[in-house]
Every structure is written in structure tokens, then in C-alpha cells.
Amino acid sequence: MICYFDTSALVKLYVDEEGSELVADYMQKCTFIATSKVAYAEARAAFARAGREGILDTQAYRDVVANFNEDWKFYFALEVSDSILQRVNTLVDKYPLRGFDALHLASSIILSRRLNGEKLLVACWDARLWDCYMQEGFSLIPGNRPAKYSSFSQCNNGYFAPR
């Protein structure tokens, strides 16, 4: 099975929040994990914010960043290519997407078309983006719509704890 983790899912591998165990379970089941290169910037910014705001103490922050940086080379990180940008061009008119969310959705669509019929499972905990994935026909984890927008972006509300 091939999985695409958007940033809201990828972060769950490094911090303990709702869905972390499910993401870790699928991490073991997947042949490989794909994501967009923009996930690096999004995740690092979320971790840095958690560190600045004291949600992660200094050592926990350093550990999370070190683990993330070490693991990054093992992810299949899709470049922001011209074909992805062309897909973004149509998706932003179709759905209420933020910029990086449009890149994640477009990356997933382009990747799924290149898999020669193999199914792509998408992990996403952002409710708005989850809805878009569902409308595009993707199989998703979690199977039910997340109750909120991505929790990693709300790290100042106590969702972050180091794994």
C-alpha cells in the first residue's frame, strides 16, 4: 500500500496528538510514504512555533526536530512541479483551499495517476482538506471527517506533546 501524508498527518509521527497511533500504524503498513516538499516547511514551522511558545520544552523541541530531519530523507517528497502547479490552478477554483493545501491535493492527484492502478491512501487531519480529498475520490485516514482543522496548526492550544 502506498500512502500520502499531508502535513497534519506527518506531524503526528513526531508529536503525540489525536491520531498519532493510527498514523504510526499506517506508517508500518505502507510500502512508502509520499508527501509534498512543502510539508517540510509546514512541519518545521509548526515545531518551531511549539518550541517558541513553550508547548515543547527545549529538549523535546530538539528531539522532535532531529528525528524529523533524520526521517525526512526516507519520505518520497514530491517536487512542486509544473504539472502540480497546473493542477493547483484548477483546484483552487473548485475548492476553498489554502495555498499549501492546494499543493498537497494536487500532489496526491498527480501521484495517484502515476501509480498504474495501485491505490493511494491519503492521511489528512485537516477537515477542509479532508473534504476535498473525499470529493476527489481518495480513500482516507481517518475514515471519518476530522472534527477540526489541522491540530498541528493549533499547537498553542495544548495539542502538542513530544512522542
C-alpha atoms as a PDB file:
ATOM      1  CA  MET A   1       0.000   0.000   0.000  1.00  0.00           C
ATOM      2  CA  ILE A   2       1.237   3.480  -0.845  1.00  0.00           C
ATOM      3  CA  CYS A   3       0.317   6.344   1.455  1.00  0.00           C
ATOM      4  CA  TYR A   4       0.364  10.101   1.058  1.00  0.00           C
ATOM      5  CA  PHE A   5       0.686  12.010   4.333  1.00  0.00           C
ATOM      6  CA  ASP A   6      -0.200  15.673   4.316  1.00  0.00           C
ATOM      7  CA  THR A   7       1.482  17.759   6.991  1.00  0.00           C
ATOM      8  CA  SER A   8      -1.315  17.303   9.524  1.00  0.00           C
ATOM      9  CA  ALA A   9      -0.666  13.545   9.375  1.00  0.00           C
ATOM     10  CA  LEU A  10       3.125  13.691   9.095  1.00  0.00           C
ATOM     11  CA  VAL A  11       3.424  15.779  12.271  1.00  0.00           C
ATOM     12  CA  LYS A  12       1.611  13.058  14.196  1.00  0.00           C
ATOM     13  CA  LEU A  13       4.680  10.852  13.817  1.00  0.00           C
ATOM     14  CA  TYR A  14       6.686  13.309  15.938  1.00  0.00           C
ATOM     15  CA  VAL A  15       4.217  14.706  18.461  1.00  0.00           C
ATOM     16  CA  ASP A  16       1.573  12.938  20.476  1.00  0.00           C
ATOM     17  CA  GLU A  17      -1.872  14.143  19.479  1.00  0.00           C
ATOM     18  CA  GLU A  18      -5.168  12.651  18.392  1.00  0.00           C
ATOM     19  CA  GLY A  19      -4.496  10.239  15.544  1.00  0.00           C
ATOM     20  CA  SER A  20      -0.794   9.688  16.269  1.00  0.00           C
ATOM     21  CA  GLU A  21      -1.205   5.961  16.913  1.00  0.00           C
ATOM     22  CA  LEU A  22      -3.233   5.475  13.727  1.00  0.00           C
ATOM     23  CA  VAL A  23      -0.622   7.316  11.638  1.00  0.00           C
ATOM     24  CA  ALA A  24       2.196   5.280  13.213  1.00  0.00           C
ATOM     25  CA  ASP A  25       0.276   2.089  12.430  1.00  0.00           C
ATOM     26  CA  TYR A  26      -0.132   3.050   8.769  1.00  0.00           C
ATOM     27  CA  MET A  27       3.495   4.108   8.617  1.00  0.00           C
ATOM     28  CA  GLN A  28       4.362   0.456   9.261  1.00  0.00           C
ATOM     29  CA  LYS A  29       1.811  -0.884   6.736  1.00  0.00           C
ATOM     30  CA  CYS A  30       2.745   1.332   3.797  1.00  0.00           C
ATOM     31  CA  THR A  31       5.305   0.404   1.178  1.00  0.00           C
ATOM     32  CA  PHE A  32       6.378   4.021   1.219  1.00  0.00           C
ATOM     33  CA  ILE A  33       5.155   7.377   2.451  1.00  0.00           C
ATOM     34  CA  ALA A  34       4.783  10.196  -0.034  1.00  0.00           C
ATOM     35  CA  THR A  35       4.270  13.858   0.738  1.00  0.00           C
ATOM     36  CA  SER A  36       4.922  17.226  -0.851  1.00  0.00           C
ATOM     37  CA  LYS A  37       8.181  19.049  -0.222  1.00  0.00           C
ATOM     38  CA  VAL A  38       6.077  21.862   1.247  1.00  0.00           C
ATOM     39  CA  ALA A  39       5.368  19.535   4.180  1.00  0.00           C
ATOM     40  CA  TYR A  40       8.932  20.079   5.358  1.00  0.00           C
ATOM     41  CA  ALA A  41       8.401  23.832   5.712  1.00  0.00           C
ATOM     42  CA  GLU A  42       4.969  23.414   7.287  1.00  0.00           C
ATOM     43  CA  ALA A  43       6.105  20.817   9.831  1.00  0.00           C
ATOM     44  CA  ARG A  44       9.275  22.664  10.800  1.00  0.00           C
ATOM     45  CA  ALA A  45       7.286  25.882  11.258  1.00  0.00           C
ATOM     46  CA  ALA A  46       4.785  24.062  13.498  1.00  0.00           C
ATOM     47  CA  PHE A  47       7.563  22.514  15.574  1.00  0.00           C
ATOM     48  CA  ALA A  48       9.369  25.865  15.875  1.00  0.00           C
ATOM     49  CA  ARG A  49       6.177  27.574  16.964  1.00  0.00           C
ATOM     50  CA  ALA A  50       5.589  24.894  19.600  1.00  0.00           C
ATOM     51  CA  GLY A  51       9.152  25.424  20.822  1.00  0.00           C
ATOM     52  CA  ARG A  52       8.861  29.224  20.909  1.00  0.00           C
ATOM     53  CA  GLU A  53       5.545  29.113  22.740  1.00  0.00           C
ATOM     54  CA  GLY A  54       6.789  26.628  25.334  1.00  0.00           C
ATOM     55  CA  ILE A  55       4.476  23.807  24.274  1.00  0.00           C
ATOM     56  CA  LEU A  56       7.596  21.738  23.650  1.00  0.00           C
ATOM     57  CA  ASP A  57      10.414  22.276  26.119  1.00  0.00           C
ATOM     58  CA  THR A  58      13.878  22.891  24.714  1.00  0.00           C
ATOM     59  CA  GLN A  59      14.995  19.255  24.777  1.00  0.00           C
ATOM     60  CA  ALA A  60      11.700  17.945  23.381  1.00  0.00           C
ATOM     61  CA  TYR A  61      11.879  20.500  20.583  1.00  0.00           C
ATOM     62  CA  ARG A  62      15.453  19.488  19.727  1.00  0.00           C
ATOM     63  CA  ASP A  63      14.486  15.804  19.744  1.00  0.00           C
ATOM     64  CA  VAL A  64      11.430  16.339  17.539  1.00  0.00           C
ATOM     65  CA  VAL A  65      13.432  18.375  15.013  1.00  0.00           C
ATOM     66  CA  ALA A  66      16.336  15.903  14.998  1.00  0.00           C
ATOM     67  CA  ASN A  67      14.010  12.945  14.482  1.00  0.00           C
ATOM     68  CA  PHE A  68      12.081  14.741  11.746  1.00  0.00           C
ATOM     69  CA  ASN A  69      15.257  15.778   9.926  1.00  0.00           C
ATOM     70  CA  GLU A  70      16.646  12.248  10.173  1.00  0.00           C
ATOM     71  CA  ASP A  71      13.431  10.703   8.806  1.00  0.00           C
ATOM     72  CA  TRP A  72      12.833  13.249   6.038  1.00  0.00           C
ATOM     73  CA  LYS A  73      15.233  11.504   3.646  1.00  0.00           C
ATOM     74  CA  PHE A  74      13.079   8.359   3.791  1.00  0.00           C
ATOM     75  CA  TYR A  75       9.894  10.061   2.584  1.00  0.00           C
ATOM     76  CA  PHE A  76       9.087  10.233  -1.097  1.00  0.00           C
ATOM     77  CA  ALA A  77       8.822  14.035  -1.240  1.00  0.00           C
ATOM     78  CA  LEU A  78       7.218  15.311  -4.420  1.00  0.00           C
ATOM     79  CA  GLU A  79       8.669  18.411  -6.013  1.00  0.00           C
ATOM     80  CA  VAL A  80       6.369  21.329  -6.736  1.00  0.00           C
ATOM     81  CA  SER A  81       6.453  20.682 -10.474  1.00  0.00           C
ATOM     82  CA  ASP A  82       4.750  22.459 -13.350  1.00  0.00           C
ATOM     83  CA  SER A  83       2.187  19.647 -13.588  1.00  0.00           C
ATOM     84  CA  ILE A  84       1.330  20.072  -9.905  1.00  0.00           C
ATOM     85  CA  LEU A  85       1.023  23.832 -10.323  1.00  0.00           C
ATOM     86  CA  GLN A  86      -1.273  23.331 -13.319  1.00  0.00           C
ATOM     87  CA  ARG A  87      -3.468  21.082 -11.188  1.00  0.00           C
ATOM     88  CA  VAL A  88      -3.464  23.707  -8.407  1.00  0.00           C
ATOM     89  CA  ASN A  89      -4.748  26.181 -10.971  1.00  0.00           C
ATOM     90  CA  THR A  90      -7.979  24.199 -11.368  1.00  0.00           C
ATOM     91  CA  LEU A  91      -8.319  23.007  -7.764  1.00  0.00           C
ATOM     92  CA  VAL A  92      -8.349  26.469  -6.183  1.00  0.00           C
ATOM     93  CA  ASP A  93     -11.346  27.405  -8.314  1.00  0.00           C
ATOM     94  CA  LYS A  94     -13.132  24.185  -7.397  1.00  0.00           C
ATOM     95  CA  TYR A  95     -12.451  24.047  -3.639  1.00  0.00           C
ATOM     96  CA  PRO A  96     -11.872  26.504  -0.737  1.00  0.00           C
ATOM     97  CA  LEU A  97      -8.180  25.651  -0.408  1.00  0.00           C
ATOM     98  CA  ARG A  98      -5.297  27.434   1.242  1.00  0.00           C
ATOM     99  CA  GLY A  99      -2.089  27.538  -0.799  1.00  0.00           C
ATOM    100  CA  PHE A 100      -0.162  24.636   0.712  1.00  0.00           C
ATOM    101  CA  ASP A 101      -3.348  22.565   0.961  1.00  0.00           C
ATOM    102  CA  ALA A 102      -3.837  23.029  -2.776  1.00  0.00           C
ATOM    103  CA  LEU A 103      -0.288  21.796  -3.324  1.00  0.00           C
ATOM    104  CA  HIS A 104      -0.942  18.708  -1.173  1.00  0.00           C
ATOM    105  CA  LEU A 105      -4.163  17.875  -3.003  1.00  0.00           C
ATOM    106  CA  ALA A 106      -2.583  18.428  -6.418  1.00  0.00           C
ATOM    107  CA  SER A 107       0.456  16.334  -5.437  1.00  0.00           C
ATOM    108  CA  SER A 108      -1.806  13.477  -4.352  1.00  0.00           C
ATOM    109  CA  ILE A 109      -3.790  13.605  -7.582  1.00  0.00           C
ATOM    110  CA  ILE A 110      -0.675  13.636  -9.767  1.00  0.00           C
ATOM    111  CA  LEU A 111       0.908  10.815  -7.764  1.00  0.00           C
ATOM    112  CA  SER A 112      -2.237   8.659  -7.855  1.00  0.00           C
ATOM    113  CA  ARG A 113      -2.365   8.931 -11.642  1.00  0.00           C
ATOM    114  CA  ARG A 114       1.219   7.708 -11.899  1.00  0.00           C
ATOM    115  CA  LEU A 115       0.670   4.588  -9.806  1.00  0.00           C
ATOM    116  CA  ASN A 116      -0.718   2.463 -12.653  1.00  0.00           C
ATOM    117  CA  GLY A 117      -3.865   1.479 -10.805  1.00  0.00           C
ATOM    118  CA  GLU A 118      -2.317   0.946  -7.390  1.00  0.00           C
ATOM    119  CA  LYS A 119      -4.447   2.606  -4.753  1.00  0.00           C
ATOM    120  CA  LEU A 120      -3.159   5.649  -2.893  1.00  0.00           C
ATOM    121  CA  LEU A 121      -4.294   6.025   0.709  1.00  0.00           C
ATOM    122  CA  VAL A 122      -4.261   9.620   1.963  1.00  0.00           C
ATOM    123  CA  ALA A 123      -3.805  10.595   5.612  1.00  0.00           C
ATOM    124  CA  CYS A 124      -5.193  14.028   6.464  1.00  0.00           C
ATOM    125  CA  TRP A 125      -6.473  15.539   9.709  1.00  0.00           C
ATOM    126  CA  ASP A 126      -7.479  18.929   8.305  1.00  0.00           C
ATOM    127  CA  ALA A 127     -11.286  18.903   7.958  1.00  0.00           C
ATOM    128  CA  ARG A 128     -11.447  21.267   4.984  1.00  0.00           C
ATOM    129  CA  LEU A 129      -8.732  19.460   3.038  1.00  0.00           C
ATOM    130  CA  TRP A 130     -10.183  16.063   4.065  1.00  0.00           C
ATOM    131  CA  ASP A 131     -13.473  17.109   2.427  1.00  0.00           C
ATOM    132  CA  CYS A 132     -11.642  17.938  -0.810  1.00  0.00           C
ATOM    133  CA  TYR A 133      -9.837  14.598  -0.803  1.00  0.00           C
ATOM    134  CA  MET A 134     -13.165  12.848  -0.264  1.00  0.00           C
ATOM    135  CA  GLN A 135     -14.749  14.716  -3.183  1.00  0.00           C
ATOM    136  CA  GLU A 136     -11.804  13.659  -5.362  1.00  0.00           C
ATOM    137  CA  GLY A 137     -12.492  10.015  -4.507  1.00  0.00           C
ATOM    138  CA  PHE A 138      -9.497   9.209  -2.305  1.00  0.00           C
ATOM    139  CA  SER A 139      -9.502   6.580   0.435  1.00  0.00           C
ATOM    140  CA  LEU A 140      -8.725   8.419   3.654  1.00  0.00           C
ATOM    141  CA  ILE A 141      -7.462   8.002   7.144  1.00  0.00           C
ATOM    142  CA  PRO A 142      -9.082   8.801   9.383  1.00  0.00           C
ATOM    143  CA  GLY A 143     -12.173   7.196   7.875  1.00  0.00           C
ATOM    144  CA  ASN A 144     -14.411   9.823   9.449  1.00  0.00           C
ATOM    145  CA  ARG A 145     -14.113  13.557   8.903  1.00  0.00           C
ATOM    146  CA  PRO A 146     -11.812  15.213  11.447  1.00  0.00           C
ATOM    147  CA  ALA A 147     -13.694  17.442  13.865  1.00  0.00           C
ATOM    148  CA  LYS A 148     -11.488  20.465  13.296  1.00  0.00           C
ATOM    149  CA  TYR A 149      -8.933  21.941  11.004  1.00  0.00           C
ATOM    150  CA  SER A 150      -5.449  20.596  11.427  1.00  0.00           C
ATOM    151  CA  SER A 151      -4.493  20.305  15.085  1.00  0.00           C
ATOM    152  CA  PHE A 152      -0.797  20.856  14.363  1.00  0.00           C
ATOM    153  CA  SER A 153      -1.671  24.445  13.431  1.00  0.00           C
ATOM    154  CA  GLN A 154      -3.288  24.863  16.844  1.00  0.00           C
ATOM    155  CA  CYS A 155      -0.210  23.866  18.808  1.00  0.00           C
ATOM    156  CA  ASN A 156      -0.702  26.772  21.195  1.00  0.00           C
ATOM    157  CA  ASN A 157      -3.917  25.136  22.429  1.00  0.00           C
ATOM    158  CA  GLY A 158      -2.204  22.174  24.022  1.00  0.00           C
ATOM    159  CA  TYR A 159      -2.403  19.593  21.249  1.00  0.00           C
ATOM    160  CA  PHE A 160       1.347  19.120  21.044  1.00  0.00           C
ATOM    161  CA  ALA A 161       3.296  16.728  23.224  1.00  0.00           C
ATOM    162  CA  PRO A 162       6.535  15.056  22.121  1.00  0.00           C
ATOM    163  CA  ARG A 163       6.208  11.393  21.101  1.00  0.00           C
END
